[in-house]
């Protein structure tokens, strides 16, 4: 999603040659191939095929294999995106070889160092020569960390560029109608953060919450491969098993289908009833969030429900950051306007 508009901009420049390197960190076809197709991204020129593993194992493989590639075909610069293991690993491999690094979506901070992504952001921004920032808070964060202003460019949010380029197609897709929700109000949910799905107690509580919330508003739950694996490993399959009515569990969704579902979700304001005296987790009342993250579920376009069932649960209410993003004007995200 971040790569698509940047590649288009770079390839439109007559003096630049662009080489796309796919690390293989996301290797399921439902999590990678369909994005290249939906967003019109050219096929990768290089595959590193690193596969899955612990953070250390996966990061080390990427460094080793990307370094080998850089030594064989040295570029004038490396562009990395976001905050995943591939981001920090490729940046480290490049900078140690004296190759300039540009970081797209630099400066974002959660201020929570228990998140692996936060560590990746901090390290990548510390190494990068050019920091391409998506929003003003990112500039503020980098300046607070002592980064020289000459490295910082506020270029806009490339995710919004991708969204606006695909929104007309997505709105005509009718993904909700394919799930029997045509004309009905519904919510859209995905869960995949390790903090939410790797702990059996947390994941079980969240699934119960979704079932109770779905009694008030039907929910489409795009089950991420990580979440499905955790559910099976923890013996919680009955939460997404057969016989459910209002929690509609589907496989990973393509970018187009995800935007289609998000754009049609919660068309009118809806207030969820709170349960009497129930608490979530360590004494915290729950008031949000049915959608865990601004980026929705990924994967293949199949909309086959994988079961419907309704155990008792807790409620959570839906926030709409993605919906709000759709109403914004496209941002200026031209890359290559300035030199390294």
Protein backbone atom coordinates (compact mmCIF):
# COMPACT_ATOMS: atom_id res chain seq x y z
CA UNK A 1 0.00 0.00 0.00
CA UNK A 2 2.88 2.36 0.75
CA UNK A 3 5.02 1.11 -2.12
CA UNK A 4 2.47 1.59 -4.91
CA UNK A 5 2.36 5.41 -5.18
CA UNK A 6 6.10 5.75 -4.52
CA UNK A 7 6.99 3.32 -7.31
CA UNK A 8 4.67 5.16 -9.69
CA UNK A 9 6.36 8.46 -8.82
CA UNK A 10 9.88 7.10 -9.11
CA UNK A 11 9.28 5.28 -12.39
CA UNK A 12 7.82 8.44 -13.90
CA UNK A 13 11.24 10.08 -13.44
CA UNK A 14 13.26 9.58 -16.65
CA UNK A 15 16.65 9.43 -14.89
CA UNK A 16 15.82 6.83 -12.24
CA UNK A 17 15.95 3.04 -12.42
CA UNK A 18 13.85 1.35 -9.74
CA UNK A 19 14.40 -2.18 -8.46
CA UNK A 20 11.74 -3.75 -6.20
CA UNK A 21 13.11 -6.16 -3.60
CA UNK A 22 10.60 -8.46 -1.84
CA UNK A 23 12.10 -9.74 1.42
CA UNK A 24 9.51 -12.49 1.88
CA UNK A 25 8.66 -11.41 5.43
CA UNK A 26 5.04 -11.67 4.31
CA UNK A 27 5.03 -14.77 2.15
CA UNK A 28 1.42 -16.01 2.11
CA UNK A 29 -0.09 -15.25 -1.34
CA UNK A 30 -3.13 -13.90 0.50
CA UNK A 31 -0.86 -11.36 2.22
CA UNK A 32 1.33 -10.27 -0.68
CA UNK A 33 0.47 -11.34 -4.26
CA UNK A 34 -3.04 -9.92 -4.17
CA UNK A 35 -1.73 -6.51 -3.09
CA UNK A 36 0.59 -6.30 -6.07
CA UNK A 37 -2.36 -7.16 -8.31
CA UNK A 38 -4.94 -4.81 -6.72
CA UNK A 39 -2.59 -1.84 -6.52
CA UNK A 40 -0.97 -2.30 -9.92
CA UNK A 41 2.54 -2.75 -8.50
CA UNK A 42 5.06 -4.33 -10.90
CA UNK A 43 6.27 -7.79 -9.93
CA UNK A 44 9.33 -7.73 -7.65
CA UNK A 45 12.70 -7.83 -9.35
CA UNK A 46 14.29 -9.71 -6.45
CA UNK A 47 12.93 -12.20 -3.89
CA UNK A 48 14.91 -12.80 -0.68
CA UNK A 49 12.52 -15.55 0.55
CA UNK A 50 13.31 -15.10 4.25
CA UNK A 51 10.03 -16.61 5.50
CA UNK A 52 8.88 -16.59 9.12
CA UNK A 53 10.85 -16.86 12.35
CA UNK A 54 11.51 -15.04 15.59
CA UNK A 55 12.34 -11.34 15.40
CA UNK A 56 16.04 -12.10 15.68
CA UNK A 57 16.06 -14.93 13.16
CA UNK A 58 13.97 -13.09 10.59
CA UNK A 59 15.88 -9.82 10.94
CA UNK A 60 19.23 -11.61 10.65
CA UNK A 61 18.16 -13.45 7.48
CA UNK A 62 17.04 -10.22 5.86
CA UNK A 63 20.29 -8.43 6.74
CA UNK A 64 22.38 -11.29 5.38
CA UNK A 65 20.45 -11.72 2.14
CA UNK A 66 19.89 -8.04 1.43
CA UNK A 67 23.55 -7.28 2.08
CA UNK A 68 24.52 -9.96 -0.45
CA UNK A 69 22.16 -8.44 -2.99
CA UNK A 70 23.51 -4.93 -2.40
CA UNK A 71 27.10 -6.11 -2.84
CA UNK A 72 26.22 -7.82 -6.12
CA UNK A 73 24.15 -4.94 -7.52
CA UNK A 74 25.03 -1.79 -5.60
CA UNK A 75 22.35 0.93 -5.95
CA UNK A 76 22.66 4.68 -5.42
CA UNK A 77 20.09 4.51 -2.63
CA UNK A 78 17.66 2.30 -0.71
CA UNK A 79 14.05 3.21 0.13
CA UNK A 80 12.42 1.44 3.07
CA UNK A 81 8.82 1.66 4.28
CA UNK A 82 7.01 1.63 7.59
CA UNK A 83 8.12 -0.19 10.72
CA UNK A 84 8.39 -3.94 10.10
CA UNK A 85 11.47 -6.13 10.51
CA UNK A 86 12.26 -5.72 6.81
CA UNK A 87 12.45 -1.95 7.32
CA UNK A 88 15.14 -1.92 9.97
CA UNK A 89 17.04 -4.88 8.52
CA UNK A 90 17.34 -3.44 5.00
CA UNK A 91 18.25 -0.02 6.38
CA UNK A 92 21.02 -1.52 8.52
CA UNK A 93 22.42 -3.59 5.66
CA UNK A 94 22.49 -0.55 3.37
CA UNK A 95 23.90 1.99 5.79
CA UNK A 96 26.79 -0.31 6.76
CA UNK A 97 27.75 -0.43 3.09
CA UNK A 98 27.60 3.36 2.82
CA UNK A 99 24.41 3.32 0.73
CA UNK A 100 22.03 6.23 1.48
CA UNK A 101 18.70 5.25 3.03
CA UNK A 102 15.33 7.00 2.66
CA UNK A 103 12.59 6.06 5.15
CA UNK A 104 8.98 6.49 4.02
CA UNK A 105 6.60 7.11 6.94
CA UNK A 106 9.36 8.33 9.22
CA UNK A 107 8.83 9.99 12.58
CA UNK A 108 5.72 8.14 13.73
CA UNK A 109 5.84 7.17 17.40
CA UNK A 110 3.60 5.23 19.78
CA UNK A 111 5.93 5.97 22.73
CA UNK A 112 5.49 2.33 23.74
CA UNK A 113 8.79 0.48 23.56
CA UNK A 114 7.14 -2.85 24.27
CA UNK A 115 5.97 -2.75 20.64
CA UNK A 116 8.52 -4.28 18.24
CA UNK A 117 7.37 -1.77 15.61
CA UNK A 118 8.38 1.14 17.85
CA UNK A 119 11.92 -0.18 18.14
CA UNK A 120 12.06 -0.62 14.36
CA UNK A 121 10.90 2.98 13.84
CA UNK A 122 13.45 4.46 16.22
CA UNK A 123 16.38 2.50 14.79
CA UNK A 124 15.46 3.11 11.16
CA UNK A 125 15.04 6.85 11.67
CA UNK A 126 18.40 6.98 13.46
CA UNK A 127 20.11 5.40 10.41
CA UNK A 128 18.23 7.03 7.52
CA UNK A 129 19.69 9.89 5.49
CA UNK A 130 16.31 11.13 4.25
CA UNK A 131 13.22 11.02 6.47
CA UNK A 132 9.97 11.24 4.49
CA UNK A 133 7.31 12.14 7.02
CA UNK A 134 3.58 11.56 6.63
CA UNK A 135 2.18 14.06 9.16
CA UNK A 136 3.28 17.09 11.21
CA UNK A 137 3.56 15.10 14.46
CA UNK A 138 6.29 13.05 12.81
CA UNK A 139 8.34 16.19 12.17
CA UNK A 140 7.87 17.21 15.81
CA UNK A 141 8.98 13.80 17.03
CA UNK A 142 12.12 13.81 14.92
CA UNK A 143 13.05 17.35 15.95
CA UNK A 144 12.55 16.39 19.61
CA UNK A 145 14.98 13.50 19.04
CA UNK A 146 17.61 15.88 17.71
CA UNK A 147 17.39 15.03 14.00
CA UNK A 148 18.77 17.74 11.75
CA UNK A 149 16.06 19.57 9.80
CA UNK A 150 17.99 19.03 6.56
CA UNK A 151 17.09 15.32 6.70
CA UNK A 152 13.35 15.85 7.19
CA UNK A 153 10.72 16.24 4.45
CA UNK A 154 7.00 16.47 5.21
CA UNK A 155 5.70 14.75 2.07
CA UNK A 156 2.26 13.48 3.07
CA UNK A 157 0.67 10.10 3.64
CA UNK A 158 1.20 7.61 0.81
CA UNK A 159 -1.45 5.35 2.38
CA UNK A 160 -4.01 8.04 1.61
CA UNK A 161 -2.70 8.23 -1.96
CA UNK A 162 -3.35 4.50 -2.36
CA UNK A 163 -6.75 4.84 -0.72
CA UNK A 164 -7.94 7.60 -3.02
CA UNK A 165 -6.64 5.85 -6.11
CA UNK A 166 -8.67 2.73 -5.30
CA UNK A 167 -11.72 4.16 -3.53
CA UNK A 168 -14.02 4.40 -6.59
CA UNK A 169 -13.31 0.77 -7.49
CA UNK A 170 -13.76 -0.33 -3.87
CA UNK A 171 -17.09 1.45 -3.45
CA UNK A 172 -18.44 -0.27 -6.54
CA UNK A 173 -17.19 -3.71 -5.43
CA UNK A 174 -20.17 -4.53 -3.18
CA UNK A 175 -18.21 -6.65 -0.71
CA UNK A 176 -20.86 -6.24 1.99
CA UNK A 177 -23.63 -7.38 -0.35
CA UNK A 178 -21.66 -10.54 -1.10
CA UNK A 179 -21.85 -11.32 2.62
CA UNK A 180 -25.61 -10.79 2.81
CA UNK A 181 -25.32 -7.32 4.34
CA UNK A 182 -26.70 -5.28 1.47
CA UNK A 183 -28.64 -2.35 2.96
CA UNK A 184 -27.82 -3.36 6.55
CA UNK A 185 -25.64 -1.51 9.02
CA UNK A 186 -22.56 -3.42 10.13
CA UNK A 187 -19.09 -3.01 11.59
CA UNK A 188 -15.73 -4.29 10.34
CA UNK A 189 -13.05 -5.84 12.56
CA UNK A 190 -9.57 -7.24 12.27
CA UNK A 191 -7.15 -8.34 15.00
CA UNK A 192 -3.50 -9.20 14.55
CA UNK A 193 -1.29 -7.24 16.95
CA UNK A 194 0.84 -9.62 19.05
CA UNK A 195 -0.30 -7.89 22.24
CA UNK A 196 -3.89 -8.81 21.37
CA UNK A 197 -3.57 -12.28 19.87
CA UNK A 198 -0.54 -13.93 21.50
CA UNK A 199 -1.98 -14.02 25.02
CA UNK A 200 -4.77 -16.64 25.45
CA UNK A 201 -6.60 -14.62 28.13
CA UNK A 202 -6.51 -11.42 26.07
CA UNK A 203 -7.53 -13.10 22.83
CA UNK A 204 -10.35 -15.04 24.48
CA UNK A 205 -11.67 -11.88 26.11
CA UNK A 206 -11.53 -9.95 22.84
CA UNK A 207 -13.40 -12.69 21.00
CA UNK A 208 -16.10 -12.71 23.69
CA UNK A 209 -16.33 -8.94 23.40
CA UNK A 210 -16.83 -9.18 19.66
CA UNK A 211 -19.65 -11.68 20.07
CA UNK A 212 -21.55 -9.47 22.50
CA UNK A 213 -21.00 -6.39 20.38
CA UNK A 214 -22.27 -8.33 17.35
CA UNK A 215 -25.59 -8.84 19.15
CA UNK A 216 -26.10 -5.09 18.80
CA UNK A 217 -24.51 -4.58 15.38
CA UNK A 218 -23.48 -7.31 12.90
CA UNK A 219 -19.70 -7.48 12.52
CA UNK A 220 -17.57 -8.70 9.64
CA UNK A 221 -14.44 -10.20 11.20
CA UNK A 222 -11.57 -10.61 8.72
CA UNK A 223 -9.50 -13.27 10.47
CA UNK A 224 -5.80 -12.59 9.95
CA UNK A 225 -3.59 -15.70 9.49
CA UNK A 226 -1.74 -14.84 12.70
CA UNK A 227 -5.04 -14.66 14.57
CA UNK A 228 -6.37 -17.88 13.07
CA UNK A 229 -3.18 -19.69 14.07
CA UNK A 230 -3.41 -18.32 17.62
CA UNK A 231 -7.09 -19.27 17.90
CA UNK A 232 -6.33 -22.86 16.88
CA UNK A 233 -3.26 -23.07 19.10
CA UNK A 234 -5.19 -21.86 22.13
CA UNK A 235 -8.24 -24.05 21.58
CA UNK A 236 -10.57 -21.11 20.94
CA UNK A 237 -11.89 -22.31 17.59
CA UNK A 238 -15.49 -22.34 18.80
CA UNK A 239 -15.47 -18.53 18.80
CA UNK A 240 -15.10 -18.51 15.01
CA UNK A 241 -16.75 -21.86 14.37
CA UNK A 242 -19.95 -22.77 12.57
CA UNK A 243 -23.41 -21.59 13.60
CA UNK A 244 -22.73 -17.90 14.21
CA UNK A 245 -25.31 -15.36 13.17
CA UNK A 246 -24.02 -11.83 13.67
CA UNK A 247 -20.24 -12.25 13.83
CA UNK A 248 -19.47 -13.01 10.20
CA UNK A 249 -15.97 -14.51 10.08
CA UNK A 250 -14.23 -14.37 6.72
CA UNK A 251 -10.73 -15.07 5.49
CA UNK A 252 -8.14 -12.35 4.88
CA UNK A 253 -9.46 -9.71 2.50
CA UNK A 254 -7.85 -8.04 -0.46
CA UNK A 255 -7.09 -4.34 -0.27
CA UNK A 256 -10.04 -3.51 -2.53
CA UNK A 257 -12.50 -5.64 -0.54
CA UNK A 258 -11.20 -4.25 2.75
CA UNK A 259 -11.69 -0.66 1.60
CA UNK A 260 -15.13 -1.62 0.28
CA UNK A 261 -16.14 -3.07 3.65
CA UNK A 262 -14.66 -0.20 5.66
CA UNK A 263 -16.25 2.47 3.47
CA UNK A 264 -19.69 0.90 3.98
CA UNK A 265 -19.34 0.17 7.70
CA UNK A 266 -21.28 2.07 10.37
CA UNK A 267 -23.05 4.43 7.99
CA UNK A 268 -25.07 5.96 10.85
CA UNK A 269 -23.83 6.72 14.39
CA UNK A 270 -24.28 3.81 16.76
CA UNK A 271 -23.81 3.72 20.53
CA UNK A 272 -23.08 0.34 22.04
CA UNK A 273 -24.58 -0.62 25.37
CA UNK A 274 -22.05 -1.31 28.11
CA UNK A 275 -22.43 -4.50 30.13
CA UNK A 276 -23.45 -4.14 33.75
CA UNK A 277 -20.33 -3.77 35.88
CA UNK A 278 -18.03 -5.83 33.65
CA UNK A 279 -14.41 -4.97 33.28
CA UNK A 280 -11.84 -5.78 30.64
CA UNK A 281 -8.37 -7.03 31.39
CA UNK A 282 -6.68 -5.72 34.51
CA UNK A 283 -9.57 -3.65 35.81
CA UNK A 284 -9.97 -1.48 32.73
CA UNK A 285 -13.39 -0.74 31.33
CA UNK A 286 -13.65 -1.18 27.59
CA UNK A 287 -14.94 1.63 25.43
CA UNK A 288 -13.01 0.94 22.23
CA UNK A 289 -12.04 -0.47 19.70
CA UNK A 290 -13.59 -2.97 17.31
CA UNK A 291 -11.11 -2.08 14.63
CA UNK A 292 -7.71 -2.57 16.18
CA UNK A 293 -5.63 -0.58 13.74
CA UNK A 294 -5.99 1.93 10.96
CA UNK A 295 -4.97 -0.67 8.42
CA UNK A 296 -7.53 -3.37 7.82
CA UNK A 297 -7.31 -7.10 7.14
CA UNK A 298 -5.24 -8.45 4.27
CA UNK A 299 -5.30 -11.31 1.94
CA UNK A 300 -7.30 -13.10 -0.67
CA UNK A 301 -10.61 -11.84 -1.94
CA UNK A 302 -12.62 -14.87 -0.90
CA UNK A 303 -15.65 -13.94 1.15
CA UNK A 304 -16.64 -17.41 2.25
CA UNK A 305 -17.86 -17.19 5.85
CA UNK A 306 -15.92 -19.55 8.07
CA UNK A 307 -18.71 -19.96 10.55
CA UNK A 308 -21.13 -18.13 12.77
CA UNK A 309 -21.64 -18.68 16.47
CA UNK A 310 -22.42 -16.56 19.52
CA UNK A 311 -20.85 -17.26 22.92
CA UNK A 312 -21.54 -14.70 25.69
CA UNK A 313 -19.23 -11.72 25.78
CA UNK A 314 -18.33 -8.07 26.45
CA UNK A 315 -18.92 -4.99 24.23
CA UNK A 316 -16.51 -2.65 22.58
CA UNK A 317 -17.32 0.29 20.38
CA UNK A 318 -16.02 1.03 16.93
CA UNK A 319 -13.72 3.88 16.04
CA UNK A 320 -13.50 5.04 12.46
CA UNK A 321 -10.00 6.32 11.71
CA UNK A 322 -10.04 4.66 8.31
CA UNK A 323 -13.47 6.10 7.52
CA UNK A 324 -12.26 9.57 8.53
CA UNK A 325 -9.19 9.17 6.34
CA UNK A 326 -11.42 8.59 3.34
CA UNK A 327 -12.97 12.02 3.77
CA UNK A 328 -9.62 13.84 3.73
CA UNK A 329 -8.18 15.45 0.65
CA UNK A 330 -5.29 13.54 -0.96
CA UNK A 331 -1.95 14.67 0.46
CA UNK A 332 1.09 15.72 -1.51
CA UNK A 333 3.37 12.71 -1.40
CA UNK A 334 5.75 13.33 -4.26
CA UNK A 335 9.02 11.49 -3.72
CA UNK A 336 12.23 12.47 -5.45
CA UNK A 337 11.58 16.18 -5.37
CA UNK A 338 14.69 16.68 -3.24
CA UNK A 339 18.03 14.96 -3.51
CA UNK A 340 19.52 12.69 -0.87
